[in-house]
Amino acid sequence: MKKTLIAIAAVAAVTASYAQSSVQIFGVIDLTVTYGTASPGSSVWQLASGEWKGTRIGFRGTENLGGGLTAGFWLEAGFDADSGVGKSTSVNNVETTSGEGIGFNRRSTVSVMGGWGEVRLGRDKNPLYDGFNDFDPFGGDTVGAAFMWQAGREMYNNKTAVKRVSNSIGYHLPKDLGGFFGRAMVAAGENSDPTNLNAKDNVAYKGDGDYAGFYAGYDKKGPFTAGVSYGQTKYGYNIAKNKGGNLTNWQLGATYDFGMVKLWGLYSNDTVGQSVAHQELKGDGWSLGITAPIGAGELAASYSTYKWDAGYTPAGKPYYVGTPNGDKYSVGYFYSLSKRTKLYTALAYVNVKDGLDTPLAGSKFDKGFTSGNTTGLDLGIVHSF
């Protein structure tokens, strides 16, 4: 009898525990046939993964702590569905660590939430990246994505801490603020200061990879939304050409839904601080787009443009060929087969000048080119679970 009572009590305790907790497994498989061509340059057909939604698998859960508090965790791993290879990450927000095995590179966080908002620790998405995606009719993905991210941040090769940030502490405002929202983040690169201060390789110096940023705006689920975002990642003065100088970015975006058509607008500004290779570099761009429901899907179209100001070496000589710049034209259609399965296609054309090296869909410009054009095509399917 005593053993039976103990067993019943144990089952009741476990049941009560699970009643206060929840754990989910979720994921996305996104596979796309892509074609890219660059002139002068190469062309290539590929089966690519994650062109729109980002192929991933994840686990998330919450626990009711009582007193209005909730604890939560989120583990999300990105991988290439065409090969099964895991995506890369960065442990110090400077150097990229290769993938191969599945790791929680997209998000790895633990949180405490309450009526006052949420405190989140771990590897998480950069607020600046959300501020870009939310005001691009292509969501910042596919070959149709607004040009500013590729031409501004990725063209300069400061990629590691741009989309997702490691070693971060973030705060999110509560959701019941009359449509106003906001989040802020700080992160440490956790890099030491090497003795060779004149190193010309990609050595991580003390402070390199440190990040601070925020994203705030208004979205009351009505016709109008707006947001502003900012971020700065530190990169050392002595780091070699393609990674030197602090990277500072800010954006301003808005949308308005007229019912039959939705209008999208985004402005983006980038500054790369002085380094051993160049003086301060500046660039900016903007995009204007529309979306419209057609049948069981949605049509998206946009024009975006970007231009780097003339740059100079520390000696005052030209750093660029001129003022690297380009214009991008994009169109796409996203069709829902069901709530969890969608087909999509996107087509983009980019015209570039003064060596803006931004080829689409895996193509490459010839070495030493100064002007040209590139075209990219996506034909894909996404299944969510």
Protein backbone atom coordinates (compact mmCIF):
# COMPACT_ATOMS: atom_id res chain seq x y z
CA MET A 1 0.00 0.00 0.00
CA LYS A 2 2.84 2.34 0.96
CA LYS A 3 4.67 1.65 -2.33
CA THR A 4 1.44 2.30 -4.26
CA LEU A 5 0.95 5.67 -2.53
CA ILE A 6 4.57 6.62 -3.27
CA ALA A 7 4.11 5.69 -6.95
CA ILE A 8 0.87 7.68 -7.19
CA ALA A 9 2.56 10.67 -5.57
CA ALA A 10 5.50 10.45 -8.02
CA VAL A 11 3.17 10.29 -11.03
CA ALA A 12 1.19 13.24 -9.67
CA ALA A 13 4.38 15.25 -9.21
CA VAL A 14 5.57 14.51 -12.75
CA THR A 15 2.11 15.33 -14.16
CA ALA A 16 2.04 18.62 -12.25
CA SER A 17 5.53 19.45 -13.53
CA TYR A 18 4.59 18.80 -17.15
CA ALA A 19 1.35 20.74 -16.69
CA GLN A 20 3.46 23.82 -15.92
CA SER A 21 5.98 23.23 -18.73
CA SER A 22 5.92 22.80 -22.49
CA VAL A 23 8.53 21.64 -24.99
CA GLN A 24 8.17 21.77 -28.77
CA ILE A 25 10.17 20.49 -31.69
CA PHE A 26 9.90 22.59 -34.85
CA GLY A 27 11.62 23.10 -38.15
CA VAL A 28 11.68 24.24 -41.76
CA ILE A 29 12.92 22.48 -44.89
CA ASP A 30 13.56 24.94 -47.71
CA LEU A 31 15.01 23.67 -51.01
CA THR A 32 15.44 25.75 -54.13
CA VAL A 33 16.64 25.32 -57.68
CA THR A 34 18.70 28.46 -58.33
CA TYR A 35 20.37 29.94 -61.38
CA GLY A 36 22.85 32.78 -61.30
CA THR A 37 24.79 34.51 -64.03
CA ALA A 38 27.24 37.42 -63.99
CA SER A 39 28.58 39.41 -66.93
CA PRO A 40 31.51 39.52 -67.21
CA GLY A 41 31.78 36.33 -65.23
CA SER A 42 30.36 32.87 -64.62
CA SER A 43 26.96 31.21 -64.45
CA VAL A 44 25.77 28.26 -62.37
CA TRP A 45 22.73 26.08 -61.65
CA GLN A 46 22.41 24.79 -58.07
CA LEU A 47 20.10 23.00 -55.67
CA ALA A 48 20.32 25.37 -52.72
CA SER A 49 18.95 25.27 -49.19
CA GLY A 50 17.29 28.00 -47.15
CA GLU A 51 16.97 30.66 -49.83
CA TRP A 52 13.71 31.98 -48.37
CA LYS A 53 12.94 30.67 -44.91
CA GLY A 54 16.23 29.17 -43.78
CA THR A 55 16.33 25.39 -43.30
CA ARG A 56 16.45 24.57 -39.59
CA ILE A 57 15.46 22.27 -36.76
CA GLY A 58 14.85 23.45 -33.24
CA PHE A 59 13.61 22.84 -29.75
CA ARG A 60 11.89 25.39 -27.52
CA GLY A 61 10.11 25.28 -24.21
CA THR A 62 8.75 27.27 -21.31
CA GLU A 63 8.17 26.70 -17.61
CA ASN A 64 5.74 28.57 -15.38
CA LEU A 65 7.75 29.77 -12.38
CA GLY A 66 4.77 31.29 -10.61
CA GLY A 67 4.33 34.87 -9.54
CA GLY A 68 3.89 35.98 -13.14
CA LEU A 69 7.33 34.71 -14.18
CA THR A 70 8.15 32.26 -16.98
CA ALA A 71 11.47 30.65 -17.90
CA GLY A 72 12.18 29.57 -21.44
CA PHE A 73 14.82 28.11 -23.73
CA TRP A 74 15.28 28.11 -27.51
CA LEU A 75 17.75 25.94 -29.45
CA GLU A 76 17.73 26.35 -33.25
CA ALA A 77 20.17 24.75 -35.69
CA GLY A 78 20.56 25.78 -39.31
CA PHE A 79 21.73 23.30 -41.94
CA ASP A 80 21.81 22.73 -45.69
CA ALA A 81 19.02 20.34 -46.63
CA ASP A 82 20.68 19.55 -49.97
CA SER A 83 23.72 18.06 -48.21
CA GLY A 84 22.85 17.70 -44.51
CA VAL A 85 25.84 19.87 -43.56
CA GLY A 86 25.42 22.21 -40.60
CA LYS A 87 25.74 25.97 -40.98
CA SER A 88 28.67 27.95 -39.60
CA THR A 89 28.70 30.14 -36.49
CA SER A 90 31.08 32.54 -34.74
CA VAL A 91 32.18 32.13 -31.15
CA ASN A 92 33.82 35.58 -30.95
CA ASN A 93 31.77 37.63 -33.48
CA VAL A 94 34.91 38.06 -35.63
CA GLU A 95 36.00 34.75 -37.12
CA THR A 96 33.64 32.19 -38.62
CA THR A 97 33.65 28.63 -37.28
CA SER A 98 32.81 26.06 -39.96
CA GLY A 99 29.70 23.93 -39.65
CA GLU A 100 29.61 20.33 -40.96
CA GLY A 101 28.01 18.96 -37.76
CA ILE A 102 24.65 20.28 -36.60
CA GLY A 103 25.06 23.08 -34.04
CA PHE A 104 22.64 25.63 -32.65
CA ASN A 105 24.05 28.46 -34.73
CA ARG A 106 20.75 30.26 -35.42
CA ARG A 107 19.75 30.64 -31.79
CA SER A 108 20.80 29.26 -28.43
CA THR A 109 19.16 31.18 -25.59
CA VAL A 110 17.64 30.98 -22.14
CA SER A 111 15.09 33.58 -21.01
CA VAL A 112 13.15 34.91 -18.06
CA MET A 113 9.85 36.62 -18.93
CA GLY A 114 7.25 38.58 -17.03
CA GLY A 115 4.88 41.53 -17.28
CA TRP A 116 7.96 43.76 -17.45
CA GLY A 117 9.29 42.11 -20.62
CA GLU A 118 11.97 39.50 -21.31
CA VAL A 119 15.68 39.13 -20.55
CA ARG A 120 17.40 36.77 -22.99
CA LEU A 121 20.96 35.38 -22.89
CA GLY A 122 22.99 33.47 -25.49
CA ARG A 123 23.38 33.51 -29.28
CA ASP A 124 20.51 35.38 -30.90
CA LYS A 125 19.44 37.32 -33.98
CA ASN A 126 20.83 40.82 -34.36
CA PRO A 127 18.09 43.48 -33.79
CA LEU A 128 19.44 45.26 -36.89
CA TYR A 129 18.66 42.18 -39.00
CA ASP A 130 15.04 42.16 -37.81
CA GLY A 131 14.85 45.86 -38.64
CA PHE A 132 15.90 45.03 -42.20
CA ASN A 133 13.70 41.97 -42.78
CA ASP A 134 10.51 43.57 -41.46
CA PHE A 135 10.56 46.32 -44.12
CA ASP A 136 11.68 44.36 -47.18
CA PRO A 137 8.79 42.82 -49.18
CA PHE A 138 11.01 39.74 -49.70
CA GLY A 139 11.71 39.44 -45.96
CA GLY A 140 15.44 39.93 -46.53
CA ASP A 141 15.72 36.58 -48.32
CA THR A 142 15.68 34.97 -51.81
CA VAL A 143 17.56 36.57 -54.70
CA GLY A 144 14.93 39.31 -54.59
CA ALA A 145 15.99 40.68 -51.18
CA ALA A 146 16.62 44.42 -50.95
CA PHE A 147 20.11 45.28 -52.22
CA MET A 148 21.41 47.20 -49.18
CA TRP A 149 22.33 44.21 -47.03
CA GLN A 150 24.44 42.52 -49.70
CA ALA A 151 25.96 45.70 -51.13
CA GLY A 152 26.56 47.38 -47.78
CA ARG A 153 27.44 44.79 -45.15
CA GLU A 154 28.34 41.62 -47.01
CA MET A 155 30.27 43.38 -49.79
CA TYR A 156 32.66 44.68 -47.14
CA ASN A 157 32.93 41.15 -45.69
CA ASN A 158 31.87 42.01 -42.13
CA LYS A 159 29.48 39.06 -41.97
CA THR A 160 30.14 37.24 -38.75
CA ALA A 161 28.26 39.44 -36.27
CA VAL A 162 25.81 41.04 -38.68
CA LYS A 163 22.88 38.60 -38.75
CA ARG A 164 23.36 36.73 -35.47
CA VAL A 165 25.41 37.57 -32.41
CA SER A 166 27.10 35.29 -29.87
CA ASN A 167 27.63 35.96 -26.15
CA SER A 168 24.69 38.37 -26.03
CA ILE A 169 22.39 39.77 -23.36
CA GLY A 170 19.12 41.17 -24.67
CA TYR A 171 16.03 42.88 -23.32
CA HIS A 172 12.59 42.84 -25.02
CA LEU A 173 9.79 45.22 -24.07
CA PRO A 174 6.44 43.66 -23.05
CA LYS A 175 3.96 43.16 -25.89
CA ASP A 176 1.02 45.18 -24.48
CA LEU A 177 2.30 48.72 -25.07
CA GLY A 178 -0.35 49.95 -27.49
CA GLY A 179 1.52 48.80 -30.58
CA PHE A 180 4.96 50.04 -29.57
CA PHE A 181 7.74 47.44 -29.45
CA GLY A 182 11.44 47.37 -28.82
CA ARG A 183 14.47 45.26 -28.06
CA ALA A 184 18.09 46.02 -27.20
CA MET A 185 21.20 43.86 -27.15
CA VAL A 186 24.81 43.98 -26.00
CA ALA A 187 27.37 41.26 -26.68
CA ALA A 188 31.00 40.51 -25.94
CA GLY A 189 33.49 39.28 -28.51
CA GLU A 190 35.44 37.80 -25.58
CA ASN A 191 38.74 38.41 -27.39
CA SER A 192 42.08 39.01 -25.68
CA ASP A 193 44.70 41.57 -26.70
CA PRO A 194 47.64 39.88 -28.51
CA THR A 195 51.17 41.23 -28.05
CA ASN A 196 51.76 41.81 -31.78
CA LEU A 197 49.84 45.07 -32.29
CA ASN A 198 51.10 45.39 -35.88
CA ALA A 199 49.65 42.09 -37.06
CA LYS A 200 48.33 42.16 -40.61
CA ASP A 201 46.35 38.94 -40.42
CA ASN A 202 42.82 38.48 -39.05
CA VAL A 203 43.83 38.44 -35.40
CA ALA A 204 41.09 39.19 -32.88
CA TYR A 205 42.08 42.09 -30.63
CA LYS A 206 40.66 43.01 -27.26
CA GLY A 207 37.21 44.47 -27.81
CA ASP A 208 36.85 43.08 -31.34
CA GLY A 209 33.44 41.48 -31.83
CA ASP A 210 31.81 43.55 -29.07
CA TYR A 211 28.32 44.55 -30.19
CA ALA A 212 25.54 46.94 -29.14
CA GLY A 213 22.25 47.57 -30.94
CA PHE A 214 18.49 48.07 -30.75
CA TYR A 215 15.30 47.84 -32.80
CA ALA A 216 12.15 49.80 -31.90
CA GLY A 217 8.96 50.75 -33.67
CA TYR A 218 5.20 50.73 -33.95
CA ASP A 219 2.97 47.89 -35.12
CA LYS A 220 -0.62 47.73 -33.88
CA LYS A 221 -1.56 45.09 -36.51
CA GLY A 222 -3.20 47.86 -38.51
CA PRO A 223 -2.36 49.32 -41.92
CA PHE A 224 0.73 51.26 -40.73
CA THR A 225 4.01 50.00 -39.28
CA ALA A 226 7.34 51.75 -38.73
CA GLY A 227 10.68 50.95 -37.14
CA VAL A 228 14.20 52.20 -36.54
CA SER A 229 17.23 50.00 -35.86
CA TYR A 230 20.90 50.52 -35.02
CA GLY A 231 23.94 48.33 -34.45
CA GLN A 232 27.69 48.59 -34.05
CA THR A 233 30.25 45.79 -34.07
CA LYS A 234 33.85 46.55 -33.17
CA TYR A 235 36.67 45.40 -35.46
CA GLY A 236 40.30 46.28 -34.79
CA TYR A 237 42.28 48.98 -36.58
CA ASN A 238 45.11 46.55 -37.39
CA ILE A 239 43.02 43.69 -38.76
CA ALA A 240 43.64 43.03 -42.44
CA LYS A 241 41.88 44.85 -45.27
CA ASN A 242 38.49 43.18 -45.39
CA LYS A 243 37.70 43.19 -41.66
CA GLY A 244 39.28 46.33 -40.22
CA GLY A 245 37.31 49.19 -38.71
CA ASN A 246 34.20 49.29 -36.53
CA LEU A 247 31.01 48.54 -38.49
CA THR A 248 28.13 50.92 -37.64
CA ASN A 249 24.70 50.58 -39.25
CA TRP A 250 21.29 52.20 -38.87
CA GLN A 251 17.98 51.79 -40.71
CA LEU A 252 14.56 53.40 -40.93
CA GLY A 253 11.60 51.57 -42.42
CA ALA A 254 7.82 51.80 -42.82
CA THR A 255 4.93 49.97 -44.48
CA TYR A 256 1.34 50.92 -45.28
CA ASP A 257 -1.36 48.43 -46.29
CA PHE A 258 -4.00 49.87 -48.62
CA GLY A 259 -5.83 46.51 -48.78
CA MET A 260 -5.34 45.57 -52.42
CA VAL A 261 -1.67 46.54 -52.26
CA LYS A 262 0.89 47.09 -49.51
CA LEU A 263 3.68 49.67 -49.82
CA TRP A 264 7.16 49.03 -48.31
CA GLY A 265 10.04 51.46 -47.78
CA LEU A 266 13.48 51.17 -46.16
CA TYR A 267 16.55 53.40 -45.80
CA SER A 268 19.92 51.94 -44.74
CA ASN A 269 23.18 53.66 -43.74
CA ASP A 270 26.59 52.04 -43.12
CA THR A 271 29.91 53.36 -41.79
CA VAL A 272 33.16 51.38 -41.60
CA GLY A 273 35.64 52.95 -39.21
CA GLN A 274 39.26 53.76 -39.98
CA SER A 275 41.66 50.84 -40.22
CA VAL A 276 45.23 50.12 -41.30
CA ALA A 277 43.94 49.73 -44.88
CA HIS A 278 41.61 52.73 -45.26
CA GLN A 279 40.16 55.89 -43.83
CA GLU A 280 36.51 55.91 -42.71
CA LEU A 281 34.18 54.47 -45.37
CA LYS A 282 30.52 55.40 -45.78
CA GLY A 283 27.67 54.06 -47.86
CA ASP A 284 23.89 54.18 -47.97
CA GLY A 285 20.91 52.95 -49.95
CA TRP A 286 17.16 52.59 -50.01
CA SER A 287 14.40 50.34 -51.32
CA LEU A 288 10.79 50.77 -52.33
CA GLY A 289 8.47 47.82 -52.86
CA ILE A 290 4.95 46.49 -53.04
CA THR A 291 3.11 43.28 -52.24
CA ALA A 292 -0.35 42.28 -53.43
CA PRO A 293 -2.51 39.19 -52.78
CA ILE A 294 -3.17 37.23 -55.98
CA GLY A 295 -5.11 34.00 -55.72
CA ALA A 296 -3.70 31.74 -53.01
CA GLY A 297 -0.41 33.59 -53.02
CA GLU A 298 1.26 36.97 -52.88
CA LEU A 299 3.13 38.95 -55.50
CA ALA A 300 6.18 40.96 -54.40
CA ALA A 301 8.21 43.51 -56.35
CA SER A 302 10.87 46.05 -55.39
CA TYR A 303 13.54 48.45 -56.55
CA SER A 304 16.62 48.99 -54.36
CA THR A 305 19.86 50.90 -54.76
CA TYR A 306 23.14 51.33 -52.89
CA LYS A 307 26.26 53.49 -53.20
CA TRP A 308 29.57 53.69 -51.34
CA ASP A 309 31.12 57.15 -51.06
CA ALA A 310 34.64 57.60 -52.42
CA GLY A 311 37.09 55.91 -50.04
CA TYR A 312 40.75 56.59 -49.35
CA THR A 313 43.76 54.79 -47.95
CA PRO A 314 45.57 56.25 -44.91
CA ALA A 315 47.97 57.86 -47.40
CA GLY A 316 45.09 59.60 -49.16
CA LYS A 317 45.05 57.46 -52.31
CA PRO A 318 41.75 56.08 -53.72
CA TYR A 319 40.62 52.94 -51.89
CA TYR A 320 37.94 52.06 -54.50
CA VAL A 321 37.97 52.32 -58.29
CA GLY A 322 35.45 55.15 -57.86
CA THR A 323 32.18 55.04 -55.93
CA PRO A 324 30.95 51.41 -56.02
CA ASN A 325 27.21 51.46 -56.66
CA GLY A 326 24.37 49.40 -58.07
CA ASP A 327 20.65 49.14 -58.74
CA LYS A 328 18.49 46.06 -58.21
CA TYR A 329 15.11 45.10 -59.67
CA SER A 330 13.20 42.21 -58.07
CA VAL A 331 9.93 40.35 -58.58
CA GLY A 332 8.58 37.22 -56.90
CA TYR A 333 5.50 35.13 -56.16
CA PHE A 334 4.82 33.08 -53.03
CA TYR A 335 2.06 30.48 -53.30
CA SER A 336 0.47 28.59 -50.39
CA LEU A 337 -0.31 24.92 -51.01
CA SER A 338 -1.36 24.63 -47.35
CA LYS A 339 -0.66 26.32 -44.03
CA ARG A 340 2.69 24.54 -43.80
CA THR A 341 3.78 24.09 -47.41
CA LYS A 342 4.53 26.85 -49.91
CA LEU A 343 6.00 27.25 -53.38
CA TYR A 344 7.96 30.35 -54.35
CA THR A 345 9.85 31.95 -57.16
CA ALA A 346 11.95 35.10 -57.31
CA LEU A 347 13.82 36.83 -60.12
CA ALA A 348 16.33 39.66 -59.69
CA TYR A 349 18.56 41.75 -61.93
CA VAL A 350 21.43 43.95 -60.67
CA ASN A 351 23.49 46.49 -62.56
CA VAL A 352 26.77 47.42 -60.81
CA LYS A 353 29.53 49.98 -61.37
CA ASP A 354 33.00 50.77 -60.03
CA GLY A 355 33.68 47.24 -58.80
CA LEU A 356 30.66 46.65 -56.53
CA ASP A 357 31.18 42.88 -56.20
CA THR A 358 27.64 41.61 -55.58
CA PRO A 359 26.91 38.66 -57.91
CA LEU A 360 23.66 36.74 -57.44
CA ALA A 361 22.85 33.06 -56.82
CA GLY A 362 26.39 31.65 -56.73
CA SER A 363 27.68 33.35 -59.88
CA LYS A 364 30.98 35.27 -59.87
CA PHE A 365 32.27 38.36 -61.62
CA ASP A 366 35.61 38.14 -63.41
CA LYS A 367 38.58 39.27 -61.36
CA GLY A 368 39.35 42.95 -61.92
CA PHE A 369 35.94 43.85 -63.40
CA THR A 370 34.71 47.41 -62.90
CA SER A 371 31.12 47.30 -64.18
CA GLY A 372 28.64 44.62 -65.17
CA ASN A 373 25.32 42.98 -64.43
CA THR A 374 24.06 39.86 -62.71
CA THR A 375 20.78 37.91 -62.72
CA GLY A 376 19.44 35.41 -60.20
CA LEU A 377 16.46 33.04 -60.22
CA ASP A 378 14.92 30.97 -57.39
CA LEU A 379 12.33 28.17 -57.78
CA GLY A 380 11.67 26.65 -54.37
CA ILE A 381 9.49 24.78 -51.93
CA VAL A 382 9.20 25.27 -48.16
CA HIS A 383 7.67 22.87 -45.65
CA SER A 384 7.31 23.84 -41.98
CA PHE A 385 6.67 21.50 -39.06
